[in-house]
Amino acid sequence: MLFDVSEHVAVITLNRPAKRNAMSGAMFRAFMDCLNSVRRDSDIRAAVINGAGGAFCAGVDLKERAAGDDGRNFDRTPAALINANPSDRWSTMTVEKPLIAAVDGYALGGGFEISLMCDIRICSPEAQFGLPEIARGFFPGGAGPQRLARAIPQSMAMELLLTGDRIDAHTALRCGLVSRVVPGEQLRNAALKIARRIAGHAPLAVRAAKQVTLAFPDQTLDQAMRLGGALRWPSC
């Protein structure tokens, strides 16, 4: 995992190219550390997440997990999972600052879920998105179903989730999963350009705008307007 900060923008690079950046237990722990750094460092105003070697992330390292070498020793009983502290896991952690995913190549399983936790997604023409877990007899556990159904129309979300099929970059653009498709060699710079534009705005206003927008699906319009009114002027 690589982590760099410049001009108020953090860049998190999933760096295991020989495995298409499949996430090992050590990588997940490093990823958590990076996210916590983004949350806590007042100099960071936005973050870009990308992958090394022409892939975003092919998911979890299933061979490592099957061998029991991923260090996953937390309590997996239903009660423990329901009552877990959201900040203890990347998939449920709240990151108040904007996150931008720059997706090149595979974004599958946990990799797709990492992109879904981001506020803005852009990709290269070679990008492929999918949640193949259902074909292996289980379903995504990193908030994939929950976030995907909020990101794209329900019918398409259900088709992806229940078939395990992939979609390409242009389908992702058409359904609104990504906001733009740019050539692979320009992808990182395009993401950085967006992040730097965001970082140039008032940080409290940016965080408040993100909070209001993300809260809206769970609220009535009246509730959302009240929240927006409460946050708008203190953010200036």
Foldseek 3Di string as FASTA:
>chain_A
DDWDDDLLEIEAELEDQVQLSADALVNQVVVLVRLVCLQPDPSHQEYEQAYPDQFRYQYHPVVCVVVVNRPPDDDPDPVCVVPDDLSVGPLRRDRLHAYEYEGGAECEQVSLSVRLVGPAYEYAQRYKYAYQVVVVPDFRDSCQLVSLVVQFPNVVSCCRRNVRDMDTRVVCCVRRVHVYYDHPVCRVVVRVVVSSVSSVDQSQQNSLVVVLVVCVVVDDPVVSVVSCVVRPPVSD
